[in-house]
PDB file of N, CA and C in Angstrom:
ATOM      1  N   UNK A   1      -0.257  -6.569   5.289  1.00  0.00           N
ATOM      2  CA  UNK A   1       0.179  -6.174   4.288  1.00  0.00           C
ATOM      3  C   UNK A   1       1.837  -6.609   3.804  1.00  0.00           C
ATOM      4  N   UNK A   2       2.093  -7.174   3.156  1.00  0.00           N
ATOM      5  CA  UNK A   2       3.064  -7.653   2.788  1.00  0.00           C
ATOM      6  C   UNK A   2       4.626  -7.015   2.620  1.00  0.00           C
ATOM      7  N   UNK A   3       5.724  -7.615   3.925  1.00  0.00           N
ATOM      8  CA  UNK A   3       6.964  -7.215   3.894  1.00  0.00           C
ATOM      9  C   UNK A   3       7.624  -7.660   3.138  1.00  0.00           C
ATOM     10  N   UNK A   4       8.505  -5.920   2.276  1.00  0.00           N
ATOM     11  CA  UNK A   4       9.545  -6.515   1.559  1.00  0.00           C
ATOM     12  C   UNK A   4      10.711  -6.608   1.723  1.00  0.00           C
ATOM     13  N   UNK A   5      11.735  -7.178   1.136  1.00  0.00           N
ATOM     14  CA  UNK A   5      12.875  -7.356   1.493  1.00  0.00           C
ATOM     15  C   UNK A   5      13.341  -5.831   1.461  1.00  0.00           C
ATOM     16  N   UNK A   6      14.231  -5.145   2.552  1.00  0.00           N
ATOM     17  CA  UNK A   6      14.800  -4.009   1.967  1.00  0.00           C
ATOM     18  C   UNK A   6      15.679  -4.562   0.423  1.00  0.00           C
ATOM     19  N   UNK A   7      16.213  -3.151  -0.742  1.00  0.00           N
ATOM     20  CA  UNK A   7      16.541  -3.699  -1.525  1.00  0.00           C
ATOM     21  C   UNK A   7      17.251  -1.806  -1.810  1.00  0.00           C
ATOM     22  N   UNK A   8      17.937  -1.859  -3.058  1.00  0.00           N
ATOM     23  CA  UNK A   8      18.419  -0.238  -3.140  1.00  0.00           C
ATOM     24  C   UNK A   8      17.469   0.933  -3.745  1.00  0.00           C
ATOM     25  N   UNK A   9      16.554   0.127  -4.539  1.00  0.00           N
ATOM     26  CA  UNK A   9      15.950   0.333  -5.143  1.00  0.00           C
ATOM     27  C   UNK A   9      14.373   1.058  -4.235  1.00  0.00           C
ATOM     28  N   UNK A  10      14.114  -0.121  -3.419  1.00  0.00           N
ATOM     29  CA  UNK A  10      13.170   0.175  -2.197  1.00  0.00           C
ATOM     30  C   UNK A  10      13.324   1.185  -1.507  1.00  0.00           C
ATOM     31  N   UNK A  11      14.561   0.897  -0.804  1.00  0.00           N
ATOM     32  CA  UNK A  11      15.577   2.284   0.360  1.00  0.00           C
ATOM     33  C   UNK A  11      15.468   3.367  -0.529  1.00  0.00           C
ATOM     34  N   UNK A  12      15.845   3.769  -1.846  1.00  0.00           N
ATOM     35  CA  UNK A  12      15.824   5.000  -2.416  1.00  0.00           C
ATOM     36  C   UNK A  12      14.638   5.661  -2.549  1.00  0.00           C
ATOM     37  N   UNK A  13      13.681   4.293  -3.021  1.00  0.00           N
ATOM     38  CA  UNK A  13      11.524   5.015  -3.170  1.00  0.00           C
ATOM     39  C   UNK A  13      11.430   5.703  -1.631  1.00  0.00           C
ATOM     40  N   UNK A  14      11.797   5.222  -0.334  1.00  0.00           N
ATOM     41  CA  UNK A  14      11.551   5.026   0.908  1.00  0.00           C
ATOM     42  C   UNK A  14      12.231   6.659   1.291  1.00  0.00           C
ATOM     43  N   UNK A  15      13.185   6.507   1.133  1.00  0.00           N
ATOM     44  CA  UNK A  15      13.857   8.397   1.137  1.00  0.00           C
ATOM     45  C   UNK A  15      13.356   8.834  -0.176  1.00  0.00           C
ATOM     46  N   UNK A  16      12.599   9.257  -0.937  1.00  0.00           N
ATOM     47  CA  UNK A  16      12.075   9.808  -2.199  1.00  0.00           C
ATOM     48  C   UNK A  16      10.519  10.290  -1.523  1.00  0.00           C
ATOM     49  N   UNK A  17       9.517   9.219  -0.646  1.00  0.00           N
ATOM     50  CA  UNK A  17       8.718   9.560  -0.195  1.00  0.00           C
ATOM     51  C   UNK A  17       8.436  10.295   0.862  1.00  0.00           C
ATOM     52  N   UNK A  18       9.654   9.844   2.059  1.00  0.00           N
ATOM     53  CA  UNK A  18      10.175  10.627   2.677  1.00  0.00           C
ATOM     54  C   UNK A  18      10.539  12.517   2.299  1.00  0.00           C
ATOM     55  N   UNK A  19      10.523  12.670   1.413  1.00  0.00           N
ATOM     56  CA  UNK A  19      11.058  13.950   1.183  1.00  0.00           C
ATOM     57  C   UNK A  19      10.331  14.465   0.531  1.00  0.00           C
ATOM     58  N   UNK A  20       9.236  13.501   0.259  1.00  0.00           N
ATOM     59  CA  UNK A  20       8.060  14.393  -0.672  1.00  0.00           C
ATOM     60  C   UNK A  20       7.203  15.051   0.076  1.00  0.00           C
ATOM     61  N   UNK A  21       6.880  13.885   1.835  1.00  0.00           N
ATOM     62  CA  UNK A  21       6.112  14.304   2.533  1.00  0.00           C
ATOM     63  C   UNK A  21       6.143  15.156   2.981  1.00  0.00           C
ATOM     64  N   UNK A  22       7.737  15.322   3.839  1.00  0.00           N
ATOM     65  CA  UNK A  22       8.046  16.238   4.517  1.00  0.00           C
ATOM     66  C   UNK A  22       7.620  17.941   3.749  1.00  0.00           C
ATOM     67  N   UNK A  23       8.341  17.578   2.205  1.00  0.00           N
ATOM     68  CA  UNK A  23       7.948  18.882   1.279  1.00  0.00           C
ATOM     69  C   UNK A  23       6.577  19.874   1.142  1.00  0.00           C
ATOM     70  N   UNK A  24       5.465  18.407   1.586  1.00  0.00           N
ATOM     71  CA  UNK A  24       4.390  19.065   1.096  1.00  0.00           C
ATOM     72  C   UNK A  24       3.752  19.511   2.499  1.00  0.00           C
ATOM     73  N   UNK A  25       4.281  18.937   3.520  1.00  0.00           N
ATOM     74  CA  UNK A  25       3.774  19.739   4.772  1.00  0.00           C
ATOM     75  C   UNK A  25       4.379  20.973   5.160  1.00  0.00           C
ATOM     76  N   UNK A  26       5.727  21.289   5.048  1.00  0.00           N
ATOM     77  CA  UNK A  26       6.659  22.845   5.076  1.00  0.00           C
ATOM     78  C   UNK A  26       5.622  23.607   3.750  1.00  0.00           C
ATOM     79  N   UNK A  27       4.936  22.914   2.504  1.00  0.00           N
ATOM     80  CA  UNK A  27       4.424  23.746   1.812  1.00  0.00           C
ATOM     81  C   UNK A  27       2.908  24.197   2.388  1.00  0.00           C
ATOM     82  N   UNK A  28       2.201  23.123   3.049  1.00  0.00           N
ATOM     83  CA  UNK A  28       1.037  23.360   3.651  1.00  0.00           C
ATOM     84  C   UNK A  28       1.276  24.606   4.805  1.00  0.00           C
ATOM     85  N   UNK A  29       2.139  24.053   5.671  1.00  0.00           N
ATOM     86  CA  UNK A  29       2.329  25.215   6.504  1.00  0.00           C
ATOM     87  C   UNK A  29       2.483  26.387   6.102  1.00  0.00           C
ATOM     88  N   UNK A  30       3.667  26.533   5.217  1.00  0.00           N
ATOM     89  CA  UNK A  30       3.822  27.850   4.640  1.00  0.00           C
ATOM     90  C   UNK A  30       2.183  28.820   3.761  1.00  0.00           C
ATOM     91  N   UNK A  31       1.905  28.167   3.119  1.00  0.00           N
ATOM     92  CA  UNK A  31       0.345  28.219   2.655  1.00  0.00           C
ATOM     93  C   UNK A  31      -1.027  28.916   4.346  1.00  0.00           C
ATOM     94  N   UNK A  32      -1.200  27.737   5.095  1.00  0.00           N
ATOM     95  CA  UNK A  32      -1.232  28.296   6.538  1.00  0.00           C
ATOM     96  C   UNK A  32      -1.468  29.896   6.545  1.00  0.00           C
ATOM     97  N   UNK A  33       0.240  29.673   6.511  1.00  0.00           N
ATOM     98  CA  UNK A  33       0.255  31.136   7.911  1.00  0.00           C
ATOM     99  C   UNK A  33       0.294  32.079   6.946  1.00  0.00           C
ATOM    100  N   UNK A  34       0.663  32.068   5.514  1.00  0.00           N
ATOM    101  CA  UNK A  34       0.238  32.715   4.670  1.00  0.00           C
ATOM    102  C   UNK A  34      -1.149  33.552   4.699  1.00  0.00           C
ATOM    103  N   UNK A  35      -1.776  32.689   4.893  1.00  0.00           N
ATOM    104  CA  UNK A  35      -3.444  32.659   4.397  1.00  0.00           C
ATOM    105  C   UNK A  35      -3.996  33.585   5.765  1.00  0.00           C
ATOM    106  N   UNK A  36      -3.377  32.788   7.069  1.00  0.00           N
ATOM    107  CA  UNK A  36      -3.478  33.771   8.227  1.00  0.00           C
ATOM    108  C   UNK A  36      -3.077  34.756   8.019  1.00  0.00           C
ATOM    109  N   UNK A  37      -2.305  35.589   7.758  1.00  0.00           N
ATOM    110  CA  UNK A  37      -1.322  36.582   7.330  1.00  0.00           C
ATOM    111  C   UNK A  37      -2.287  37.652   6.950  1.00  0.00           C
ATOM    112  N   UNK A  38      -2.716  37.389   5.807  1.00  0.00           N
ATOM    113  CA  UNK A  38      -3.499  37.926   5.016  1.00  0.00           C
ATOM    114  C   UNK A  38      -5.224  37.990   5.937  1.00  0.00           C
ATOM    115  N   UNK A  39      -5.280  36.588   6.329  1.00  0.00           N
ATOM    116  CA  UNK A  39      -7.145  37.053   7.212  1.00  0.00           C
ATOM    117  C   UNK A  39      -6.728  38.269   8.346  1.00  0.00           C
ATOM    118  N   UNK A  40      -5.629  37.886   8.965  1.00  0.00           N
ATOM    119  CA  UNK A  40      -5.198  39.183  10.039  1.00  0.00           C
ATOM    120  C   UNK A  40      -5.050  40.553   9.080  1.00  0.00           C
ATOM    121  N   UNK A  41      -4.299  40.739   8.334  1.00  0.00           N
ATOM    122  CA  UNK A  41      -4.609  42.252   7.253  1.00  0.00           C
ATOM    123  C   UNK A  41      -6.046  42.599   7.444  1.00  0.00           C
ATOM    124  N   UNK A  42      -6.938  42.254   7.005  1.00  0.00           N
ATOM    125  CA  UNK A  42      -8.706  41.995   6.242  1.00  0.00           C
ATOM    126  C   UNK A  42      -9.119  42.965   7.839  1.00  0.00           C
ATOM    127  N   UNK A  43      -8.627  42.556   8.926  1.00  0.00           N
ATOM    128  CA  UNK A  43      -9.186  42.594  10.184  1.00  0.00           C
ATOM    129  C   UNK A  43      -8.693  44.036  10.926  1.00  0.00           C
TER     130      UNK A  43
END
């Protein structure tokens, strides 16, 4: 992979990607917890 020199646009893009990845991770965790809670209530 080619390494790009750091630029303000690239740094902003990297920060945006990091934030999106964190939001997705948190949403997946919340969804898993909600599903598990519902499954527990079934039993």
